[in-house]
C-alpha atoms as a PDB file:
ATOM      1  CA  MET A   1       1.816  31.288  12.894  1.00  0.00           C
ATOM      2  CA  THR A   2       4.545  31.889  15.441  1.00  0.00           C
ATOM      3  CA  LYS A   3       4.732  29.709  18.563  1.00  0.00           C
ATOM      4  CA  LYS A   4       6.964  29.597  21.621  1.00  0.00           C
ATOM      5  CA  LEU A   5       7.991  26.552  23.589  1.00  0.00           C
ATOM      6  CA  ILE A   6       6.663  26.293  27.128  1.00  0.00           C
ATOM      7  CA  GLN A   7       8.329  24.716  30.154  1.00  0.00           C
ATOM      8  CA  HIS A   8       6.969  21.251  30.928  1.00  0.00           C
ATOM      9  CA  GLY A   9       8.862  19.774  33.865  1.00  0.00           C
ATOM     10  CA  ASN A  10      12.479  19.359  32.752  1.00  0.00           C
ATOM     11  CA  SER A  11      11.432  19.478  29.086  1.00  0.00           C
ATOM     12  CA  ALA A  12      10.019  21.968  26.628  1.00  0.00           C
ATOM     13  CA  ALA A  13       6.619  21.546  24.969  1.00  0.00           C
ATOM     14  CA  LEU A  14       4.924  23.010  21.929  1.00  0.00           C
ATOM     15  CA  VAL A  15       1.186  23.578  22.186  1.00  0.00           C
ATOM     16  CA  ILE A  16      -0.704  22.766  18.984  1.00  0.00           C
ATOM     17  CA  ASP A  17      -3.960  24.675  18.679  1.00  0.00           C
ATOM     18  CA  LYS A  18      -7.230  22.790  18.239  1.00  0.00           C
ATOM     19  CA  PRO A  19      -7.897  24.041  14.659  1.00  0.00           C
ATOM     20  CA  ILE A  20      -4.539  22.604  13.558  1.00  0.00           C
ATOM     21  CA  LEU A  21      -5.279  19.295  15.299  1.00  0.00           C
ATOM     22  CA  GLU A  22      -8.638  19.109  13.544  1.00  0.00           C
ATOM     23  CA  LEU A  23      -7.189  20.082  10.168  1.00  0.00           C
ATOM     24  CA  LEU A  24      -4.592  17.304  10.374  1.00  0.00           C
ATOM     25  CA  ASN A  25      -7.024  14.844  11.986  1.00  0.00           C
ATOM     26  CA  ILE A  26      -4.710  14.218  14.925  1.00  0.00           C
ATOM     27  CA  THR A  27      -5.428  13.816  18.631  1.00  0.00           C
ATOM     28  CA  VAL A  28      -3.464  13.648  21.865  1.00  0.00           C
ATOM     29  CA  ASP A  29      -3.235   9.880  21.222  1.00  0.00           C
ATOM     30  CA  THR A  30      -1.520  10.291  17.829  1.00  0.00           C
ATOM     31  CA  THR A  31       2.040   8.968  17.652  1.00  0.00           C
ATOM     32  CA  PHE A  32       4.561  11.189  15.875  1.00  0.00           C
ATOM     33  CA  GLU A  33       7.955  10.790  14.289  1.00  0.00           C
ATOM     34  CA  LEU A  34      10.260  13.708  15.051  1.00  0.00           C
ATOM     35  CA  THR A  35      13.107  14.295  12.600  1.00  0.00           C
ATOM     36  CA  THR A  36      15.287  17.184  11.536  1.00  0.00           C
ATOM     37  CA  ASP A  37      16.981  18.317   8.369  1.00  0.00           C
ATOM     38  CA  GLY A  38      19.654  20.074  10.436  1.00  0.00           C
ATOM     39  CA  ARG A  39      17.763  23.346  10.561  1.00  0.00           C
ATOM     40  CA  ASN A  40      14.067  22.512  10.965  1.00  0.00           C
ATOM     41  CA  LEU A  41      12.102  20.153  13.160  1.00  0.00           C
ATOM     42  CA  ILE A  42       9.817  17.888  11.169  1.00  0.00           C
ATOM     43  CA  LEU A  43       6.890  16.441  13.112  1.00  0.00           C
ATOM     44  CA  SER A  44       5.037  13.747  11.159  1.00  0.00           C
ATOM     45  CA  PRO A  45       2.042  11.769  12.377  1.00  0.00           C
ATOM     46  CA  GLN A  46       2.686   8.057  12.074  1.00  0.00           C
ATOM     47  CA  GLY A  47       0.584   6.538   9.303  1.00  0.00           C
ATOM     48  CA  ASP A  48      -2.176   4.088  10.010  1.00  0.00           C
ATOM     49  CA  ARG A  49      -0.607   0.673   9.344  1.00  0.00           C
ATOM     50  CA  ARG A  50      -4.046  -0.752   8.542  1.00  0.00           C
ATOM     51  CA  ASP A  51      -3.854   1.024   5.171  1.00  0.00           C
ATOM     52  CA  GLU A  52      -0.527  -0.594   4.253  1.00  0.00           C
ATOM     53  CA  PRO A  53      -1.985  -3.815   2.736  1.00  0.00           C
ATOM     54  CA  ASP A  54      -4.205  -1.716   0.431  1.00  0.00           C
ATOM     55  CA  LEU A  55      -1.198   0.294  -0.677  1.00  0.00           C
ATOM     56  CA  LEU A  56       0.850  -2.835  -1.360  1.00  0.00           C
ATOM     57  CA  ARG A  57      -1.989  -4.361  -3.403  1.00  0.00           C
ATOM     58  CA  SER A  58      -2.253  -1.167  -5.431  1.00  0.00           C
ATOM     59  CA  LEU A  59       1.496  -1.144  -6.085  1.00  0.00           C
ATOM     60  CA  GLU A  60       1.405  -4.772  -7.219  1.00  0.00           C
ATOM     61  CA  LYS A  61      -1.454  -3.953  -9.593  1.00  0.00           C
ATOM     62  CA  ILE A  62       0.397  -0.954 -11.040  1.00  0.00           C
ATOM     63  CA  ASN A  63       3.629  -2.919 -11.408  1.00  0.00           C
ATOM     64  CA  GLY A  64       1.753  -5.751 -13.133  1.00  0.00           C
ATOM     65  CA  LYS A  65       0.167  -3.381 -15.603  1.00  0.00           C
ATOM     66  CA  PHE A  66       2.980  -0.865 -16.162  1.00  0.00           C
ATOM     67  CA  GLY A  67       6.097  -2.637 -14.845  1.00  0.00           C
ATOM     68  CA  ASN A  68       7.895  -2.734 -18.207  1.00  0.00           C
ATOM     69  CA  VAL A  69       7.311   0.960 -18.841  1.00  0.00           C
ATOM     70  CA  LEU A  70       8.284   1.935 -15.288  1.00  0.00           C
ATOM     71  CA  SER A  71      11.502  -0.098 -15.350  1.00  0.00           C
ATOM     72  CA  GLY A  72      12.439   1.605 -18.632  1.00  0.00           C
ATOM     73  CA  LEU A  73      12.149   5.014 -16.983  1.00  0.00           C
ATOM     74  CA  GLY A  74      14.897   4.205 -14.498  1.00  0.00           C
ATOM     75  CA  ALA A  75      17.406   3.178 -17.174  1.00  0.00           C
END
């Protein structure tokens, strides 16, 4: 898909079509992080911080069970 920027006041805007919004489960209220690799723009929706405690618990469980094996992989 090819898109062009549009003029939005003194800025430029990129319109994201509704099917893409739905596919990525994002809305006009979604906060994004905009980064670049020097050639490309990378637009990433900010993760839901409510999921972070679940992720940390899972990591602790994995480290408890496989910590010795995982630490050996980095050596």
